[in-house]
Amino acid sequence: MTAPLTSVYAEYRPRLAPGRFVACTWTQVNRGAREYRQLVVPDGCSDLTWQDGAVRLVGPDRAAWRAPLAAGSAIAGVRLRPGAARILLGRMPVEEVLGAQVPLESVTADVALLTERLAATDSPQAAVRVLEEFVAALAPRYEPDAAVEQVLRMLRSGGMSPHVPALADAVGLSERQLRRRFTEAVGYGPKTLHSILRFQHALDLGRSGAPGLAAIAYQAGYADQAHFAREVRRLAGVTPSELLGAGG
């Protein structure tokens, strides 16, 4: 008999907030009798979350960590794409929340009403709707850095090298200007984000049934399977087989 899942994670397409800034909304519920510890791996994103009566901004990660979820509890979130955390942070550099979980009221004004509305919800799905409404209301006032957005598009497409000199030349900035503006908006530089996006692409390939780790490594753009394994270990702290739940 298959053991029942104790933790149930679900993602939803954004309905109110613009998709160019919001990757998804999501919920996770621990239905077990013990604390569940979710492996969180870098994806370049930031998350606005509601958990245990607190609303937090979870900054982008460089390395994996385990997120605790108490027995019988739930968490709701809105996932902001790379470069979009400043919808909440304003002019504060995203690098200041890199790898951190900060109370939203410490970085954003007028949080009291949001917290009050979240406290009145009766399910994580209802909490997600409130969080998304909050982000959607702020989005029209957000003006992203056009040069950073252009570099993000180039990195996502895979058609541009992550080398800063070439990227800076493509958007008409000096290398120093691009590094500063990109790090302020994203939390780290283009090369680091490129490695994280490639890692996430490899995970997508593995979850979609790509035939073996060597094929995943090749399709994701790694030099070879060993290179892929090193990057997974660096970013996730486990082997590719452990991360994907498949044999080598």
C-alpha atoms as a PDB file:
ATOM      1  CA  MET A   1       0.000   0.000   0.000  1.00  0.00           C
ATOM      2  CA  THR A   2       1.320   3.459  -0.896  1.00  0.00           C
ATOM      3  CA  ALA A   3       1.862   5.722   2.101  1.00  0.00           C
ATOM      4  CA  PRO A   4      -0.345   8.818   2.044  1.00  0.00           C
ATOM      5  CA  LEU A   5       1.314  12.155   1.333  1.00  0.00           C
ATOM      6  CA  THR A   6       1.731  14.161   4.508  1.00  0.00           C
ATOM      7  CA  SER A   7       2.588  17.421   2.745  1.00  0.00           C
ATOM      8  CA  VAL A   8       0.601  18.624  -0.250  1.00  0.00           C
ATOM      9  CA  TYR A   9       2.029  21.409  -2.421  1.00  0.00           C
ATOM     10  CA  ALA A  10       0.011  23.084  -5.186  1.00  0.00           C
ATOM     11  CA  GLU A  11       0.749  25.885  -7.640  1.00  0.00           C
ATOM     12  CA  TYR A  12      -1.767  28.152  -9.381  1.00  0.00           C
ATOM     13  CA  ARG A  13      -1.532  30.582 -12.253  1.00  0.00           C
ATOM     14  CA  PRO A  14      -1.788  34.208 -11.165  1.00  0.00           C
ATOM     15  CA  ARG A  15      -5.279  35.566 -11.779  1.00  0.00           C
ATOM     16  CA  LEU A  16      -4.895  39.200 -10.757  1.00  0.00           C
ATOM     17  CA  ALA A  17      -1.197  40.021 -10.579  1.00  0.00           C
ATOM     18  CA  PRO A  18       0.622  40.408 -13.924  1.00  0.00           C
ATOM     19  CA  GLY A  19       2.377  37.254 -15.097  1.00  0.00           C
ATOM     20  CA  ARG A  20       5.462  39.208 -16.154  1.00  0.00           C
ATOM     21  CA  PHE A  21       6.133  39.800 -12.454  1.00  0.00           C
ATOM     22  CA  VAL A  22       4.434  36.848 -10.731  1.00  0.00           C
ATOM     23  CA  ALA A  23       5.452  33.288 -11.609  1.00  0.00           C
ATOM     24  CA  CYS A  24       2.662  31.600  -9.635  1.00  0.00           C
ATOM     25  CA  THR A  25       0.729  31.523  -6.399  1.00  0.00           C
ATOM     26  CA  TRP A  26       1.039  28.438  -4.214  1.00  0.00           C
ATOM     27  CA  THR A  27      -0.019  26.634  -1.074  1.00  0.00           C
ATOM     28  CA  GLN A  28       1.470  23.867   1.023  1.00  0.00           C
ATOM     29  CA  VAL A  29      -0.398  21.948   3.716  1.00  0.00           C
ATOM     30  CA  ASN A  30       1.110  19.499   6.214  1.00  0.00           C
ATOM     31  CA  ARG A  31      -1.532  16.875   6.909  1.00  0.00           C
ATOM     32  CA  GLY A  32       0.786  14.709   8.978  1.00  0.00           C
ATOM     33  CA  ALA A  33       1.268  14.380  12.716  1.00  0.00           C
ATOM     34  CA  ARG A  34       4.890  15.558  12.608  1.00  0.00           C
ATOM     35  CA  GLU A  35       6.768  18.600  11.406  1.00  0.00           C
ATOM     36  CA  TYR A  36       7.570  18.462   7.692  1.00  0.00           C
ATOM     37  CA  ARG A  37      10.784  20.011   6.360  1.00  0.00           C
ATOM     38  CA  GLN A  38      10.544  21.040   2.712  1.00  0.00           C
ATOM     39  CA  LEU A  39      13.730  21.219   0.649  1.00  0.00           C
ATOM     40  CA  VAL A  40      13.849  24.668  -0.990  1.00  0.00           C
ATOM     41  CA  VAL A  41      16.330  25.106  -3.845  1.00  0.00           C
ATOM     42  CA  PRO A  42      17.401  28.332  -5.588  1.00  0.00           C
ATOM     43  CA  ASP A  43      15.186  29.563  -8.418  1.00  0.00           C
ATOM     44  CA  GLY A  44      16.042  33.272  -8.529  1.00  0.00           C
ATOM     45  CA  CYS A  45      12.592  34.171  -7.229  1.00  0.00           C
ATOM     46  CA  SER A  46      11.344  35.849  -4.054  1.00  0.00           C
ATOM     47  CA  ASP A  47       8.173  34.843  -2.225  1.00  0.00           C
ATOM     48  CA  LEU A  48       5.556  36.765  -0.288  1.00  0.00           C
ATOM     49  CA  THR A  49       4.266  34.288   2.301  1.00  0.00           C
ATOM     50  CA  TRP A  50       1.647  33.911   5.036  1.00  0.00           C
ATOM     51  CA  GLN A  51       2.463  31.350   7.714  1.00  0.00           C
ATOM     52  CA  ASP A  52       1.733  31.035  11.430  1.00  0.00           C
ATOM     53  CA  GLY A  53       0.100  34.453  11.579  1.00  0.00           C
ATOM     54  CA  ALA A  54       3.000  36.302   9.959  1.00  0.00           C
ATOM     55  CA  VAL A  55       3.460  37.775   6.503  1.00  0.00           C
ATOM     56  CA  ARG A  56       7.041  37.653   5.264  1.00  0.00           C
ATOM     57  CA  LEU A  57       9.171  38.376   2.238  1.00  0.00           C
ATOM     58  CA  VAL A  58      11.489  35.462   1.488  1.00  0.00           C
ATOM     59  CA  GLY A  59      14.404  36.708  -0.579  1.00  0.00           C
ATOM     60  CA  PRO A  60      16.144  34.838  -3.413  1.00  0.00           C
ATOM     61  CA  ASP A  61      18.461  31.998  -2.423  1.00  0.00           C
ATOM     62  CA  ARG A  62      22.016  31.040  -3.342  1.00  0.00           C
ATOM     63  CA  ALA A  63      21.828  27.623  -1.703  1.00  0.00           C
ATOM     64  CA  ALA A  64      19.247  25.077  -0.583  1.00  0.00           C
ATOM     65  CA  TRP A  65      17.612  25.092   2.845  1.00  0.00           C
ATOM     66  CA  ARG A  66      14.875  23.235   4.695  1.00  0.00           C
ATOM     67  CA  ALA A  67      11.638  25.116   5.408  1.00  0.00           C
ATOM     68  CA  PRO A  68       9.802  23.769   8.484  1.00  0.00           C
ATOM     69  CA  LEU A  69       6.041  23.272   8.359  1.00  0.00           C
ATOM     70  CA  ALA A  70       4.411  22.283  11.638  1.00  0.00           C
ATOM     71  CA  ALA A  71       1.979  19.379  11.815  1.00  0.00           C
ATOM     72  CA  GLY A  72      -1.494  20.437  10.707  1.00  0.00           C
ATOM     73  CA  SER A  73      -0.345  23.847   9.480  1.00  0.00           C
ATOM     74  CA  ALA A  74      -0.254  25.514   6.074  1.00  0.00           C
ATOM     75  CA  ILE A  75       1.559  28.205   4.157  1.00  0.00           C
ATOM     76  CA  ALA A  76       0.369  30.400   1.285  1.00  0.00           C
ATOM     77  CA  GLY A  77       2.597  32.310  -1.092  1.00  0.00           C
ATOM     78  CA  VAL A  78       3.005  34.496  -4.154  1.00  0.00           C
ATOM     79  CA  ARG A  79       6.192  33.825  -6.128  1.00  0.00           C
ATOM     80  CA  LEU A  80       7.785  36.915  -7.641  1.00  0.00           C
ATOM     81  CA  ARG A  81       9.969  36.409 -10.688  1.00  0.00           C
ATOM     82  CA  PRO A  82      13.654  37.412 -10.659  1.00  0.00           C
ATOM     83  CA  GLY A  83      13.830  41.198 -10.596  1.00  0.00           C
ATOM     84  CA  ALA A  84      10.263  41.701  -9.311  1.00  0.00           C
ATOM     85  CA  ALA A  85      10.844  41.761  -5.548  1.00  0.00           C
ATOM     86  CA  ARG A  86      11.090  45.544  -5.694  1.00  0.00           C
ATOM     87  CA  ILE A  87       7.340  45.644  -6.150  1.00  0.00           C
ATOM     88  CA  LEU A  88       7.451  45.169  -2.366  1.00  0.00           C
ATOM     89  CA  LEU A  89      10.890  46.587  -1.567  1.00  0.00           C
ATOM     90  CA  GLY A  90      10.642  49.852  -3.451  1.00  0.00           C
ATOM     91  CA  ARG A  91      14.152  51.257  -3.908  1.00  0.00           C
ATOM     92  CA  MET A  92      15.724  48.868  -1.381  1.00  0.00           C
ATOM     93  CA  PRO A  93      18.294  46.634  -3.140  1.00  0.00           C
ATOM     94  CA  VAL A  94      17.151  43.024  -3.365  1.00  0.00           C
ATOM     95  CA  GLU A  95      20.623  41.901  -2.273  1.00  0.00           C
ATOM     96  CA  GLU A  96      19.705  43.140   1.227  1.00  0.00           C
ATOM     97  CA  VAL A  97      17.161  40.302   1.560  1.00  0.00           C
ATOM     98  CA  LEU A  98      19.273  37.667  -0.217  1.00  0.00           C
ATOM     99  CA  GLY A  99      18.827  34.366   1.604  1.00  0.00           C
ATOM    100  CA  ALA A 100      16.675  36.043   4.260  1.00  0.00           C
ATOM    101  CA  GLN A 101      13.105  35.877   5.537  1.00  0.00           C
ATOM    102  CA  VAL A 102      12.007  39.308   6.736  1.00  0.00           C
ATOM    103  CA  PRO A 103       8.715  40.545   8.202  1.00  0.00           C
ATOM    104  CA  LEU A 104       6.937  42.421   5.429  1.00  0.00           C
ATOM    105  CA  GLU A 105       6.317  45.425   7.674  1.00  0.00           C
ATOM    106  CA  SER A 106      10.087  45.943   7.912  1.00  0.00           C
ATOM    107  CA  VAL A 107      10.352  46.634   4.165  1.00  0.00           C
ATOM    108  CA  THR A 108       6.862  47.742   3.059  1.00  0.00           C
ATOM    109  CA  ALA A 109       4.443  50.308   4.454  1.00  0.00           C
ATOM    110  CA  ASP A 110       0.712  49.825   5.081  1.00  0.00           C
ATOM    111  CA  VAL A 111       0.858  46.127   5.976  1.00  0.00           C
ATOM    112  CA  ALA A 112      -1.636  46.281   8.870  1.00  0.00           C
ATOM    113  CA  LEU A 113      -4.723  45.908   6.672  1.00  0.00           C
ATOM    114  CA  LEU A 114      -3.137  43.046   4.729  1.00  0.00           C
ATOM    115  CA  THR A 115      -2.348  41.210   7.972  1.00  0.00           C
ATOM    116  CA  GLU A 116      -5.882  41.793   9.228  1.00  0.00           C
ATOM    117  CA  ARG A 117      -7.391  40.406   6.029  1.00  0.00           C
ATOM    118  CA  LEU A 118      -5.084  37.379   6.076  1.00  0.00           C
ATOM    119  CA  ALA A 119      -5.960  36.631   9.695  1.00  0.00           C
ATOM    120  CA  ALA A 120      -9.642  36.530   8.710  1.00  0.00           C
ATOM    121  CA  THR A 121      -9.133  33.887   5.996  1.00  0.00           C
ATOM    122  CA  ASP A 122     -10.234  30.312   6.640  1.00  0.00           C
ATOM    123  CA  SER A 123      -8.022  28.421   4.181  1.00  0.00           C
ATOM    124  CA  PRO A 124      -4.611  28.723   2.489  1.00  0.00           C
ATOM    125  CA  GLN A 125      -6.408  29.181  -0.841  1.00  0.00           C
ATOM    126  CA  ALA A 126      -8.247  32.204   0.547  1.00  0.00           C
ATOM    127  CA  ALA A 127      -4.976  33.564   1.930  1.00  0.00           C
ATOM    128  CA  VAL A 128      -3.358  33.213  -1.512  1.00  0.00           C
ATOM    129  CA  ARG A 129      -6.109  35.353  -3.042  1.00  0.00           C
ATOM    130  CA  VAL A 130      -5.501  38.097  -0.462  1.00  0.00           C
ATOM    131  CA  LEU A 131      -1.737  38.018  -1.035  1.00  0.00           C
ATOM    132  CA  GLU A 132      -2.191  38.175  -4.790  1.00  0.00           C
ATOM    133  CA  GLU A 133      -4.615  41.096  -4.499  1.00  0.00           C
ATOM    134  CA  PHE A 134      -1.996  42.943  -2.445  1.00  0.00           C
ATOM    135  CA  VAL A 135       0.704  42.395  -5.071  1.00  0.00           C
ATOM    136  CA  ALA A 136      -1.680  43.248  -7.918  1.00  0.00           C
ATOM    137  CA  ALA A 137      -2.515  46.570  -6.274  1.00  0.00           C
ATOM    138  CA  LEU A 138       1.167  47.508  -6.025  1.00  0.00           C
ATOM    139  CA  ALA A 139       2.224  46.317  -9.490  1.00  0.00           C
ATOM    140  CA  PRO A 140       0.963  49.339 -11.516  1.00  0.00           C
ATOM    141  CA  ARG A 141       3.279  51.613  -9.506  1.00  0.00           C
ATOM    142  CA  TYR A 142       6.327  49.438 -10.162  1.00  0.00           C
ATOM    143  CA  GLU A 143       8.707  50.538 -12.920  1.00  0.00           C
ATOM    144  CA  PRO A 144      11.395  47.906 -13.494  1.00  0.00           C
ATOM    145  CA  ASP A 145      14.857  48.809 -14.711  1.00  0.00           C
ATOM    146  CA  ALA A 146      14.564  48.458 -18.497  1.00  0.00           C
ATOM    147  CA  ALA A 147      18.183  47.360 -18.954  1.00  0.00           C
ATOM    148  CA  VAL A 148      17.872  44.696 -16.260  1.00  0.00           C
ATOM    149  CA  GLU A 149      14.628  43.454 -17.797  1.00  0.00           C
ATOM    150  CA  GLN A 150      16.349  43.154 -21.176  1.00  0.00           C
ATOM    151  CA  VAL A 151      19.197  41.129 -19.670  1.00  0.00           C
ATOM    152  CA  LEU A 152      16.707  38.910 -17.838  1.00  0.00           C
ATOM    153  CA  ARG A 153      14.944  38.182 -21.130  1.00  0.00           C
ATOM    154  CA  MET A 154      18.250  37.299 -22.779  1.00  0.00           C
ATOM    155  CA  LEU A 155      19.263  34.978 -19.949  1.00  0.00           C
ATOM    156  CA  ARG A 156      15.856  33.239 -19.882  1.00  0.00           C
ATOM    157  CA  SER A 157      15.937  32.664 -23.643  1.00  0.00           C
ATOM    158  CA  GLY A 158      19.283  30.916 -23.436  1.00  0.00           C
ATOM    159  CA  GLY A 159      20.425  32.751 -26.528  1.00  0.00           C
ATOM    160  CA  MET A 160      22.967  34.962 -24.767  1.00  0.00           C
ATOM    161  CA  SER A 161      26.160  34.159 -22.921  1.00  0.00           C
ATOM    162  CA  PRO A 162      26.109  35.049 -19.202  1.00  0.00           C
ATOM    163  CA  HIS A 163      29.409  36.912 -19.620  1.00  0.00           C
ATOM    164  CA  VAL A 164      28.934  40.413 -18.264  1.00  0.00           C
ATOM    165  CA  PRO A 165      30.971  42.256 -20.943  1.00  0.00           C
ATOM    166  CA  ALA A 166      28.744  40.923 -23.734  1.00  0.00           C
ATOM    167  CA  LEU A 167      25.548  41.578 -21.782  1.00  0.00           C
ATOM    168  CA  ALA A 168      26.634  45.089 -20.839  1.00  0.00           C
ATOM    169  CA  ASP A 169      27.462  45.875 -24.458  1.00  0.00           C
ATOM    170  CA  ALA A 170      24.064  44.549 -25.576  1.00  0.00           C
ATOM    171  CA  VAL A 171      22.191  46.974 -23.290  1.00  0.00           C
ATOM    172  CA  GLY A 172      24.535  49.950 -23.614  1.00  0.00           C
ATOM    173  CA  LEU A 173      25.961  49.942 -20.104  1.00  0.00           C
ATOM    174  CA  SER A 174      29.418  49.601 -18.652  1.00  0.00           C
ATOM    175  CA  GLU A 175      30.201  46.325 -16.917  1.00  0.00           C
ATOM    176  CA  ARG A 176      30.235  48.092 -13.556  1.00  0.00           C
ATOM    177  CA  GLN A 177      26.856  49.729 -14.183  1.00  0.00           C
ATOM    178  CA  LEU A 178      25.255  46.450 -15.225  1.00  0.00           C
ATOM    179  CA  ARG A 179      26.630  44.512 -12.253  1.00  0.00           C
ATOM    180  CA  ARG A 180      25.394  47.158  -9.814  1.00  0.00           C
ATOM    181  CA  ARG A 181      21.940  47.603 -11.327  1.00  0.00           C
ATOM    182  CA  PHE A 182      21.400  43.878 -11.889  1.00  0.00           C
ATOM    183  CA  THR A 183      22.464  42.938  -8.352  1.00  0.00           C
ATOM    184  CA  GLU A 184      20.261  45.646  -6.854  1.00  0.00           C
ATOM    185  CA  ALA A 185      17.243  44.363  -8.806  1.00  0.00           C
ATOM    186  CA  VAL A 186      17.818  40.590  -8.707  1.00  0.00           C
ATOM    187  CA  GLY A 187      19.983  39.964  -5.636  1.00  0.00           C
ATOM    188  CA  TYR A 188      23.026  38.598  -7.450  1.00  0.00           C
ATOM    189  CA  GLY A 189      24.852  39.010 -10.752  1.00  0.00           C
ATOM    190  CA  PRO A 190      23.956  37.696 -14.220  1.00  0.00           C
ATOM    191  CA  LYS A 191      26.362  34.749 -14.061  1.00  0.00           C
ATOM    192  CA  THR A 192      24.896  33.478 -10.795  1.00  0.00           C
ATOM    193  CA  LEU A 193      21.332  33.856 -12.045  1.00  0.00           C
ATOM    194  CA  HIS A 194      22.245  32.076 -15.288  1.00  0.00           C
ATOM    195  CA  SER A 195      23.553  29.070 -13.334  1.00  0.00           C
ATOM    196  CA  ILE A 196      20.346  28.981 -11.278  1.00  0.00           C
ATOM    197  CA  LEU A 197      18.102  29.231 -14.348  1.00  0.00           C
ATOM    198  CA  ARG A 198      20.057  26.434 -16.041  1.00  0.00           C
ATOM    199  CA  PHE A 199      19.694  24.327 -12.883  1.00  0.00           C
ATOM    200  CA  GLN A 200      15.924  24.931 -12.854  1.00  0.00           C
ATOM    201  CA  HIS A 201      15.698  24.060 -16.554  1.00  0.00           C
ATOM    202  CA  ALA A 202      17.455  20.764 -15.821  1.00  0.00           C
ATOM    203  CA  LEU A 203      14.942  20.032 -13.046  1.00  0.00           C
ATOM    204  CA  ASP A 204      12.075  20.705 -15.448  1.00  0.00           C
ATOM    205  CA  LEU A 205      13.610  18.307 -17.969  1.00  0.00           C
ATOM    206  CA  GLY A 206      14.025  15.628 -15.318  1.00  0.00           C
ATOM    207  CA  ARG A 207      10.478  15.990 -14.046  1.00  0.00           C
ATOM    208  CA  SER A 208       9.094  15.848 -17.592  1.00  0.00           C
ATOM    209  CA  GLY A 209      10.683  12.460 -18.185  1.00  0.00           C
ATOM    210  CA  ALA A 210      13.961  13.164 -19.974  1.00  0.00           C
ATOM    211  CA  PRO A 211      15.722   9.795 -20.452  1.00  0.00           C
ATOM    212  CA  GLY A 212      18.561   9.775 -17.922  1.00  0.00           C
ATOM    213  CA  LEU A 213      20.900  12.215 -16.258  1.00  0.00           C
ATOM    214  CA  ALA A 214      23.314  12.387 -19.192  1.00  0.00           C
ATOM    215  CA  ALA A 215      20.480  13.503 -21.487  1.00  0.00           C
ATOM    216  CA  ILE A 216      19.301  16.066 -18.948  1.00  0.00           C
ATOM    217  CA  ALA A 217      22.830  17.457 -18.638  1.00  0.00           C
ATOM    218  CA  TYR A 218      23.204  17.746 -22.411  1.00  0.00           C
ATOM    219  CA  GLN A 219      19.798  19.320 -23.020  1.00  0.00           C
ATOM    220  CA  ALA A 220      20.256  21.827 -20.177  1.00  0.00           C
ATOM    221  CA  GLY A 221      23.608  22.976 -21.517  1.00  0.00           C
ATOM    222  CA  TYR A 222      26.076  21.466 -19.052  1.00  0.00           C
ATOM    223  CA  ALA A 223      29.500  20.337 -20.274  1.00  0.00           C
ATOM    224  CA  ASP A 224      28.763  16.766 -19.221  1.00  0.00           C
ATOM    225  CA  GLN A 225      26.959  14.706 -16.575  1.00  0.00           C
ATOM    226  CA  ALA A 226      29.729  15.283 -14.033  1.00  0.00           C
ATOM    227  CA  HIS A 227      29.383  19.044 -14.442  1.00  0.00           C
ATOM    228  CA  PHE A 228      25.624  18.736 -13.944  1.00  0.00           C
ATOM    229  CA  ALA A 229      26.137  16.638 -10.806  1.00  0.00           C
ATOM    230  CA  ARG A 230      28.559  19.184  -9.323  1.00  0.00           C
ATOM    231  CA  GLU A 231      26.148  22.049  -9.927  1.00  0.00           C
ATOM    232  CA  VAL A 232      23.219  20.159  -8.400  1.00  0.00           C
ATOM    233  CA  ARG A 233      25.319  19.324  -5.345  1.00  0.00           C
ATOM    234  CA  ARG A 234      26.389  22.968  -5.049  1.00  0.00           C
ATOM    235  CA  LEU A 235      22.897  24.423  -5.389  1.00  0.00           C
ATOM    236  CA  ALA A 236      20.753  21.720  -3.795  1.00  0.00           C
ATOM    237  CA  GLY A 237      23.116  19.881  -1.456  1.00  0.00           C
ATOM    238  CA  VAL A 238      22.075  16.467  -2.824  1.00  0.00           C
ATOM    239  CA  THR A 239      22.777  14.345  -5.895  1.00  0.00           C
ATOM    240  CA  PRO A 240      20.694  14.700  -9.087  1.00  0.00           C
ATOM    241  CA  SER A 241      19.149  11.272  -8.456  1.00  0.00           C
ATOM    242  CA  GLU A 242      18.131  12.252  -4.926  1.00  0.00           C
ATOM    243  CA  LEU A 243      16.723  15.577  -6.085  1.00  0.00           C
ATOM    244  CA  LEU A 244      14.742  14.109  -8.957  1.00  0.00           C
ATOM    245  CA  GLY A 245      13.715  10.970  -7.098  1.00  0.00           C
ATOM    246  CA  ALA A 246      15.106   8.765  -9.867  1.00  0.00           C
ATOM    247  CA  GLY A 247      17.887   6.319 -10.364  1.00  0.00           C
ATOM    248  CA  GLY A 248      21.111   7.386 -12.088  1.00  0.00           C
END
